[in-house]
Protein backbone atom coordinates (compact mmCIF):
# COMPACT_ATOMS: atom_id res chain seq x y z
CA MET A 1 32.54 16.11 4.12
CA LYS A 2 31.02 13.93 6.71
CA PHE A 3 27.79 15.70 6.80
CA ARG A 4 27.25 15.30 3.07
CA PHE A 5 27.97 11.45 3.13
CA LEU A 6 25.67 10.99 6.06
CA PHE A 7 23.11 13.03 3.67
CA LEU A 8 23.86 11.01 0.34
CA ALA A 9 23.40 7.37 2.30
CA GLY A 10 20.54 8.69 4.09
CA LEU A 11 18.98 9.89 0.74
CA ILE A 12 19.75 6.32 -0.90
CA THR A 13 18.37 4.55 2.03
CA SER A 14 15.27 6.42 2.02
CA ALA A 15 14.58 6.03 -1.64
CA SER A 16 15.39 2.42 -1.20
CA LEU A 17 12.79 2.14 2.02
CA PHE A 18 9.79 3.87 -0.06
CA ALA A 19 10.24 2.00 -2.87
CA GLN A 20 10.30 -1.14 -0.94
CA GLU A 21 7.10 -0.26 0.96
CA SER A 22 5.28 1.36 -2.25
CA ASN A 23 3.18 -0.53 -4.66
CA GLN A 24 5.41 -1.24 -7.68
CA ASP A 25 4.30 -0.67 -11.30
CA LYS A 26 2.78 -4.61 -12.01
CA TYR A 27 4.16 -3.88 -15.68
CA ILE A 28 7.98 -3.41 -14.51
CA GLU A 29 9.11 -6.82 -15.21
CA SER A 30 13.15 -8.67 -15.12
CA ASP A 31 11.87 -12.01 -16.17
CA VAL A 32 15.16 -12.88 -13.96
CA VAL A 33 13.82 -12.12 -10.34
CA PRO A 34 10.80 -10.73 -9.09
CA LEU A 35 11.00 -7.13 -8.94
CA ALA A 36 7.67 -5.99 -6.41
CA GLY A 37 7.82 -6.69 -2.90
CA LYS A 38 10.78 -7.12 -0.75
CA LYS A 39 13.57 -8.24 -2.99
CA GLY A 40 16.27 -5.47 -3.69
CA PHE A 41 15.61 -2.08 -4.12
CA SER A 42 14.95 0.85 -6.42
CA PHE A 43 14.84 4.37 -6.59
CA GLU A 44 11.72 6.11 -7.79
CA SER A 45 10.18 9.45 -8.14
CA LYS A 46 7.98 11.43 -5.77
CA ALA A 47 5.16 10.93 -8.24
CA GLY A 48 5.75 7.83 -9.05
CA ASP A 49 5.85 8.05 -12.95
CA PHE A 50 9.81 7.37 -12.70
CA VAL A 51 11.13 4.24 -11.23
CA PHE A 52 14.61 2.65 -11.60
CA LYS A 53 15.58 -1.07 -10.30
CA PRO A 54 18.78 -2.64 -10.77
CA PHE A 55 18.78 -6.45 -10.24
CA ALA A 56 21.40 -9.13 -10.22
CA LEU A 57 20.77 -13.42 -10.36
CA VAL A 58 23.87 -15.67 -10.10
CA GLN A 59 23.51 -19.21 -10.68
CA THR A 60 26.60 -21.80 -10.03
CA SER A 61 26.01 -25.66 -10.63
CA ALA A 62 27.35 -28.93 -9.88
CA LYS A 63 27.04 -31.10 -12.63
CA MET A 64 27.18 -35.43 -13.10
CA ASN A 65 26.25 -36.57 -16.70
CA TYR A 66 27.05 -40.11 -17.29
CA TYR A 67 26.41 -41.29 -21.29
CA ASP A 68 25.69 -44.82 -22.58
CA ASP A 69 28.47 -46.11 -24.65
CA GLU A 70 25.94 -46.84 -27.06
CA GLN A 71 27.29 -50.52 -27.17
CA ILE A 72 30.37 -49.75 -29.61
CA GLY A 73 32.83 -51.43 -27.60
CA ALA A 74 35.60 -48.69 -27.61
CA ASP A 75 37.95 -48.89 -24.72
CA ASP A 76 38.36 -45.33 -24.30
CA GLN A 77 35.28 -44.58 -24.25
CA ASP A 78 34.55 -41.89 -21.59
CA ASN A 79 31.03 -42.56 -20.36
CA ILE A 80 31.40 -39.41 -18.09
CA ALA A 81 31.44 -35.96 -19.77
CA ASN A 82 30.35 -32.48 -19.68
CA SER A 83 30.82 -32.60 -16.02
CA GLY A 84 31.96 -30.72 -12.93
CA PHE A 85 31.39 -26.81 -12.12
CA GLU A 86 29.59 -24.23 -14.18
CA VAL A 87 28.30 -21.02 -14.14
CA GLY A 88 25.05 -21.24 -16.00
CA ASN A 89 23.73 -17.45 -15.49
CA ALA A 90 25.69 -14.23 -14.37
CA LEU A 91 22.51 -11.52 -14.95
CA ILE A 92 22.98 -8.04 -14.21
CA GLY A 93 20.52 -5.26 -15.26
CA PHE A 94 17.96 -2.78 -14.36
CA ALA A 95 14.38 -2.36 -15.19
CA GLY A 96 12.08 0.51 -14.46
CA LYS A 97 9.31 2.96 -16.00
CA ALA A 98 9.56 6.63 -17.57
CA PHE A 99 7.07 8.80 -18.23
CA ASP A 100 4.23 6.91 -16.33
CA LYS A 101 3.81 5.07 -19.75
CA VAL A 102 7.17 3.25 -20.73
CA THR A 103 8.34 0.16 -19.12
CA PHE A 104 12.21 -0.96 -19.81
CA ASN A 105 14.81 -3.87 -19.28
CA LEU A 106 18.33 -4.02 -20.11
CA THR A 107 20.05 -7.64 -18.85
CA ILE A 108 23.36 -8.68 -19.44
CA ASN A 109 24.49 -12.28 -19.05
CA ALA A 110 27.90 -12.42 -18.20
CA ALA A 111 28.70 -16.20 -17.94
CA GLN A 112 27.91 -16.07 -22.04
CA SER A 113 29.48 -14.58 -24.73
CA GLY A 114 29.24 -12.86 -28.33
CA ASP A 115 25.55 -11.77 -28.98
CA ALA A 116 24.42 -13.98 -26.23
CA LEU A 117 25.83 -11.52 -23.83
CA LEU A 118 22.94 -9.67 -23.94
CA GLN A 119 20.16 -11.53 -22.85
CA GLN A 120 17.37 -8.83 -23.21
CA ALA A 121 16.84 -5.39 -24.19
CA TRP A 122 13.55 -3.97 -24.29
CA ALA A 123 11.05 -1.18 -24.17
CA ASP A 124 7.11 -1.15 -23.80
CA LEU A 125 4.74 1.33 -24.26
CA ASN A 126 1.71 0.45 -21.92
CA LEU A 127 -1.16 2.84 -23.54
CA LYS A 128 -3.53 0.69 -21.50
CA ASP A 129 -3.88 -2.80 -20.09
CA GLU A 130 -5.63 -4.20 -23.05
CA LEU A 131 -2.97 -2.58 -25.48
CA ARG A 132 0.70 -2.43 -25.06
CA PHE A 133 3.79 -2.50 -27.60
CA ARG A 134 7.27 -4.11 -27.08
CA VAL A 135 10.13 -3.64 -29.45
CA GLY A 136 13.52 -5.58 -28.44
CA LYS A 137 15.24 -8.41 -27.43
CA PHE A 138 13.17 -10.39 -24.85
CA LYS A 139 11.03 -13.86 -24.55
CA THR A 140 8.82 -14.98 -27.93
CA PRO A 141 5.56 -15.90 -26.73
CA PHE A 142 5.89 -19.78 -26.72
CA ASN A 143 6.50 -22.36 -24.11
CA GLN A 144 5.10 -21.70 -20.53
CA ALA A 145 8.24 -23.18 -19.38
CA TYR A 146 10.46 -20.02 -21.12
CA LEU A 147 7.87 -17.44 -19.91
CA VAL A 148 8.26 -18.15 -16.09
CA THR A 149 10.75 -16.28 -14.05
CA LEU A 150 14.14 -17.60 -14.40
CA GLY A 151 15.10 -17.80 -11.20
CA GLU A 152 12.11 -19.59 -10.00
CA THR A 153 11.64 -22.38 -11.83
CA LEU A 154 10.78 -25.70 -10.16
CA PHE A 155 13.93 -27.50 -11.49
CA PRO A 156 17.37 -25.91 -12.31
CA SER A 157 16.80 -27.47 -15.96
CA LEU A 158 14.55 -27.05 -18.60
CA PRO A 159 13.09 -29.98 -20.14
CA MET A 160 15.05 -32.30 -22.36
CA SER A 161 12.12 -32.05 -25.19
CA LEU A 162 12.66 -28.03 -25.05
CA THR A 163 16.08 -27.81 -25.46
CA ALA A 164 17.26 -31.31 -27.23
CA PRO A 165 17.66 -30.74 -31.17
CA VAL A 166 15.49 -32.89 -33.37
CA ASN A 167 17.05 -36.12 -35.36
CA ILE A 168 16.31 -36.19 -39.27
CA PRO A 169 18.14 -38.73 -41.45
CA PHE A 170 20.07 -35.97 -43.69
CA SER A 171 23.54 -34.79 -42.93
CA LEU A 172 22.83 -30.84 -43.49
CA ASN A 173 24.33 -28.31 -41.36
CA SER A 174 22.61 -26.34 -39.08
CA VAL A 175 19.21 -27.99 -39.61
CA ASN A 176 18.51 -29.36 -36.20
CA PRO A 177 16.24 -26.97 -34.80
CA ASN A 178 14.40 -27.71 -31.09
CA PHE A 179 11.23 -26.87 -29.96
CA ALA A 180 11.91 -23.44 -27.81
CA THR A 181 12.43 -20.49 -29.49
CA GLY A 182 13.48 -18.28 -26.08
CA PHE A 183 14.72 -14.94 -26.66
CA ASP A 184 14.74 -13.26 -29.70
CA LEU A 185 14.88 -9.97 -31.22
CA GLY A 186 11.66 -8.25 -33.24
CA ALA A 187 8.23 -6.35 -32.05
CA GLN A 188 5.21 -7.79 -30.02
CA VAL A 189 1.46 -6.37 -29.23
CA HIS A 190 0.14 -7.78 -26.10
CA GLY A 191 -2.42 -7.05 -23.60
CA LEU A 192 -4.55 -8.23 -20.67
CA VAL A 193 -8.53 -8.27 -21.14
CA LYS A 194 -10.41 -8.24 -18.15
CA ASP A 195 -7.91 -9.76 -15.87
CA LYS A 196 -8.88 -13.10 -17.78
CA TRP A 197 -7.64 -12.98 -21.57
CA GLU A 198 -3.85 -12.59 -22.17
CA TYR A 199 -2.80 -12.03 -25.78
CA ARG A 200 0.84 -11.92 -27.39
CA VAL A 201 1.53 -11.34 -31.32
CA GLY A 202 4.70 -10.61 -32.52
CA VAL A 203 7.25 -10.89 -35.15
CA PHE A 204 10.93 -11.89 -34.20
CA ASN A 205 13.88 -12.86 -36.63
CA GLY A 206 13.84 -16.45 -35.85
CA THR A 207 17.46 -16.53 -35.05
CA GLY A 208 17.33 -16.57 -31.36
CA ILE A 209 19.41 -15.21 -28.56
CA SER A 210 22.96 -15.75 -30.29
CA VAL A 211 22.04 -13.36 -32.86
CA ASN A 212 21.61 -9.39 -32.56
CA GLY A 213 21.95 -8.45 -36.37
CA ALA A 214 19.82 -8.34 -38.87
CA LYS A 215 20.72 -10.79 -41.35
CA LYS A 216 17.10 -12.37 -42.90
CA THR A 217 15.82 -12.09 -46.14
CA LEU A 218 12.89 -12.98 -48.06
CA SER A 219 11.33 -16.47 -48.69
CA ASP A 220 11.86 -17.87 -52.02
CA ASP A 221 8.93 -20.05 -51.79
CA LEU A 222 6.29 -17.92 -49.65
CA HIS A 223 7.53 -14.69 -50.87
CA ILE A 224 7.62 -13.00 -47.52
CA PRO A 225 9.98 -11.97 -44.83
CA SER A 226 11.66 -14.78 -43.70
CA LEU A 227 11.14 -14.15 -40.15
CA LEU A 228 9.41 -16.12 -36.87
CA TYR A 229 5.52 -15.11 -36.95
CA SER A 230 4.38 -15.97 -33.22
CA GLY A 231 1.49 -15.70 -31.23
CA ARG A 232 -0.16 -17.15 -27.86
CA LEU A 233 -3.69 -16.76 -26.13
CA ALA A 234 -4.18 -17.39 -22.39
CA TYR A 235 -7.28 -17.80 -20.48
CA MET A 236 -6.69 -16.90 -16.58
CA PRO A 237 -10.38 -17.51 -15.02
CA LYS A 238 -8.96 -16.78 -11.59
CA GLY A 239 -6.85 -13.74 -12.52
CA VAL A 240 -3.71 -13.36 -13.79
CA MET A 241 -1.12 -16.01 -13.03
CA PRO A 242 2.16 -15.59 -10.96
CA THR A 243 4.84 -15.75 -12.84
CA HIS A 244 6.87 -18.57 -10.84
CA GLN A 245 6.56 -22.29 -10.14
CA GLY A 246 5.69 -22.38 -6.77
CA SER A 247 7.05 -19.57 -4.34
CA PRO A 248 7.83 -19.38 -0.54
CA ASP A 249 6.22 -15.96 -0.27
CA ASP A 250 2.80 -17.07 -2.10
CA LEU A 251 1.57 -20.37 -0.18
CA ASP A 252 -2.25 -19.07 -0.23
CA ASN A 253 -2.98 -18.39 -3.98
CA ASP A 254 -5.61 -20.06 -6.36
CA LYS A 255 -4.77 -19.34 -9.96
CA PHE A 256 -5.11 -21.65 -13.23
CA VAL A 257 -4.18 -20.36 -16.96
CA VAL A 258 -4.81 -22.50 -19.76
CA ALA A 259 -3.06 -21.09 -23.06
CA LEU A 260 -2.40 -22.05 -26.84
CA SER A 261 0.32 -21.13 -28.88
CA SER A 262 2.12 -21.21 -32.75
CA SER A 263 4.82 -20.06 -34.31
CA TYR A 264 5.85 -20.25 -38.03
CA ASN A 265 9.80 -19.77 -38.35
CA VAL A 266 9.81 -18.69 -42.48
CA GLU A 267 13.50 -20.17 -44.20
CA ALA A 268 14.49 -21.04 -40.39
CA ASN A 269 17.91 -22.89 -39.61
CA TRP A 270 19.88 -21.21 -42.46
CA GLN A 271 17.06 -21.24 -44.80
CA ALA A 272 16.75 -25.24 -44.84
CA SER A 273 13.09 -25.22 -44.06
CA ASN A 274 9.81 -23.92 -43.03
CA ASP A 275 9.16 -24.61 -39.34
CA LEU A 276 5.86 -24.49 -37.75
CA ARG A 277 5.23 -24.82 -34.04
CA ALA A 278 1.95 -25.48 -31.84
CA GLY A 279 1.72 -26.03 -27.99
CA LEU A 280 -1.39 -26.23 -25.55
CA GLU A 281 -0.15 -25.48 -21.97
CA PHE A 282 -1.70 -25.61 -18.87
CA ALA A 283 -0.81 -24.36 -15.09
CA TYR A 284 -2.35 -24.76 -11.84
CA LEU A 285 -1.16 -22.98 -8.45
CA TYR A 286 -2.98 -23.95 -5.77
CA LYS A 287 -1.60 -23.02 -1.80
CA ARG A 288 1.30 -25.00 -1.55
CA TRP A 289 0.95 -27.05 -4.72
CA TYR A 290 1.99 -26.46 -8.61
CA PHE A 291 1.01 -28.23 -11.55
CA ALA A 292 2.00 -27.59 -15.09
CA ALA A 293 1.55 -29.45 -18.38
CA GLU A 294 2.67 -28.72 -21.75
CA GLY A 295 2.38 -30.68 -25.13
CA TYR A 296 3.90 -29.21 -28.05
CA MET A 297 4.58 -29.77 -32.26
CA LEU A 298 6.92 -29.00 -34.70
CA ASN A 299 6.54 -29.49 -38.64
CA MET A 300 9.59 -29.46 -40.47
CA ASP A 301 9.05 -28.65 -44.04
CA PHE A 302 12.30 -28.39 -46.38
CA VAL A 303 12.32 -25.37 -48.73
CA GLU A 304 12.27 -26.18 -52.86
CA ARG A 305 15.93 -25.56 -52.89
CA GLN A 306 16.99 -28.49 -50.77
CA ASN A 307 15.69 -30.95 -53.18
CA ILE A 308 13.72 -32.73 -50.55
CA SER A 309 10.54 -33.32 -50.74
CA HIS A 310 9.67 -34.82 -47.18
CA ALA A 311 7.95 -32.99 -44.49
CA TYR A 312 9.20 -34.28 -40.73
CA LYS A 313 6.45 -34.15 -37.36
CA PHE A 314 7.99 -34.33 -33.88
CA PHE A 315 6.25 -34.12 -31.16
CA GLY A 316 7.17 -33.57 -27.55
CA GLY A 317 5.83 -32.41 -23.93
CA TYR A 318 6.18 -32.80 -20.25
CA VAL A 319 3.95 -33.05 -16.81
CA GLN A 320 5.53 -31.96 -13.62
CA GLY A 321 4.31 -30.77 -10.18
CA GLY A 322 6.20 -29.39 -6.67
CA TYR A 323 4.81 -28.95 -3.18
CA PHE A 324 6.06 -27.05 -0.36
CA ILE A 325 6.31 -29.38 2.70
CA ASN A 326 7.21 -26.08 4.86
CA ASN A 327 7.91 -22.58 4.14
CA LYS A 328 11.32 -23.73 3.36
CA MET A 329 11.54 -26.94 1.26
CA GLN A 330 9.43 -27.97 -2.09
CA LEU A 331 9.63 -31.50 -3.50
CA ALA A 332 9.26 -31.69 -7.50
CA ALA A 333 8.93 -34.48 -10.02
CA ARG A 334 8.61 -33.99 -14.10
CA TYR A 335 7.74 -36.62 -16.80
CA ASP A 336 9.27 -35.61 -19.98
CA PHE A 337 8.66 -37.34 -23.66
CA PHE A 338 10.24 -36.56 -27.05
CA ASP A 339 9.71 -38.24 -30.10
CA ARG A 340 13.13 -36.87 -31.39
CA ASN A 341 13.14 -38.65 -34.41
CA SER A 342 9.85 -37.87 -36.11
CA THR A 343 6.61 -39.30 -36.67
CA LYS A 344 8.29 -41.46 -39.77
CA THR A 345 10.56 -43.77 -37.13
CA ASP A 346 9.33 -45.56 -34.57
CA GLY A 347 10.38 -44.59 -30.85
CA ILE A 348 10.46 -42.06 -28.41
CA LEU A 349 12.62 -40.46 -25.84
CA ASN A 350 11.28 -39.99 -22.33
CA ALA A 351 13.02 -38.30 -18.88
CA PRO A 352 11.81 -38.67 -15.46
CA ALA A 353 13.44 -36.51 -13.04
CA VAL A 354 12.97 -35.98 -9.33
CA GLY A 355 14.19 -32.39 -7.41
CA PHE A 356 14.35 -30.89 -4.26
CA ASN A 357 14.36 -27.05 -3.85
CA TYR A 358 15.40 -25.37 -0.35
CA TYR A 359 15.32 -21.61 0.02
CA ILE A 360 17.29 -19.73 2.64
CA ALA A 361 14.95 -17.06 3.82
CA GLY A 362 16.33 -13.62 4.38
CA TYR A 363 19.26 -13.74 2.18
CA ASN A 364 17.75 -14.30 -1.40
CA LEU A 365 19.66 -17.62 -1.48
CA LYS A 366 17.97 -21.04 -3.28
CA LEU A 367 19.42 -24.53 -3.53
CA GLN A 368 18.20 -26.95 -6.09
CA ALA A 369 18.61 -30.26 -6.68
CA MET A 370 17.55 -32.65 -9.50
CA TYR A 371 18.30 -36.20 -11.08
CA GLN A 372 16.92 -37.20 -14.38
CA TYR A 373 17.15 -40.40 -16.35
CA LEU A 374 16.94 -41.11 -20.16
CA GLY A 375 14.82 -43.57 -21.22
CA ARG A 376 13.97 -45.08 -24.64
CA TRP A 377 10.86 -46.92 -25.90
CA GLY A 378 9.53 -48.55 -28.66
CA HIS A 379 12.36 -48.52 -31.31
CA GLU A 380 12.70 -50.87 -34.02
CA THR A 381 16.07 -51.76 -34.11
CA GLN A 382 18.84 -51.20 -32.04
CA ILE A 383 20.63 -48.78 -34.16
CA ASP A 384 17.34 -46.92 -34.04
CA ARG A 385 17.52 -46.83 -29.93
CA ASP A 386 20.99 -46.10 -30.30
CA ASN A 387 20.60 -43.19 -32.57
CA ASP A 388 17.88 -41.29 -30.79
CA ASP A 389 19.75 -40.10 -27.74
CA LEU A 390 23.01 -39.32 -29.36
CA GLY A 391 24.47 -36.27 -27.25
CA LEU A 392 22.09 -36.71 -24.32
CA ALA A 393 23.01 -38.17 -21.02
CA GLN A 394 21.37 -41.47 -19.89
CA HIS A 395 21.81 -40.28 -16.18
CA SER A 396 22.13 -36.38 -14.83
CA ALA A 397 21.98 -34.75 -11.93
CA GLN A 398 22.87 -31.21 -10.78
CA VAL A 399 23.06 -29.27 -7.70
CA MET A 400 22.67 -25.31 -8.12
CA MET A 401 23.20 -22.72 -5.66
CA GLN A 402 21.24 -19.40 -6.65
CA PHE A 403 21.47 -15.82 -5.54
CA SER A 404 19.44 -12.82 -6.61
CA PHE A 405 19.14 -9.30 -5.50
């Protein structure tokens, strides 16, 4: 019995070391933590045509949010809200390769509930670099901020302009979309041409990460399936851009990407509107420096049965940068802006933020801290100014500890 135990332990250890020392397939992806290199372990067949790699990511935060009282004069107004401790993500999953052609991923987020418990589940058929097919639940090809690896972001929170819902002057339920489309169920064709051009074209449900069922219909106005049609084209003149926003393991790189993306969500927001999104993005990784900028537009056109003839346009974007002052510490800054109340009404929101990242080498631990202030510019009246930031914190502070495996 002791011999069998030692033999099994040796077999597992050998498989782990072999996987770490060999070159991982570049298409084995987690979208959570890096799978190539020294992090974690994997099991691989001798021929290399089968690979199985488990991974995990836990992000625990302490948050403080201060909300403006909007001058309502209430004595019981709680300015401090949505504060305390939270587990933002508790991800466990596996990725790998089968038959030397198919890569796959399955990730569960124990910090979520309902259909969002399944963060992603997909299979990718790799015919060649230029032609790949993916089906399942995965990231839609829109917004560079979402397409980076979750555990390698510059800030612990996404830009406010991507995640905050828009404001419209109607009391319709579930009709306030945001810019980000995030994870969704669908199918995508994608590829890399000459190591410089990357394309992604897909069709998705358009219902986001919280719906796993097929619940769409045909558009009454356009007479096409009421789905999300999305695409992205990226140019990388210096080779493939890494999916991190600065890493202590990659301090000598020189990569650049510029990309265009667009999507059309037919009868989105519970069949209330047709939402057209478009975005332009840029990112530059140069040794210890990382820079990125995105701008995006949303045209929200109500369907005929809503009896609203207006179309509303919203704009947003951000610029951010980071610098490693040594191999463990990274400083970060971001400026975020959002025309939340549409171009029909004066005023924009702006959110400058600063951050600090500390990498605890050898333990796969990462400490992130940030502070963000929400400002309001150009509003015509005080009521417009107060309504524009409803539900958003004026002062936000967050400290997050991350462990990855």
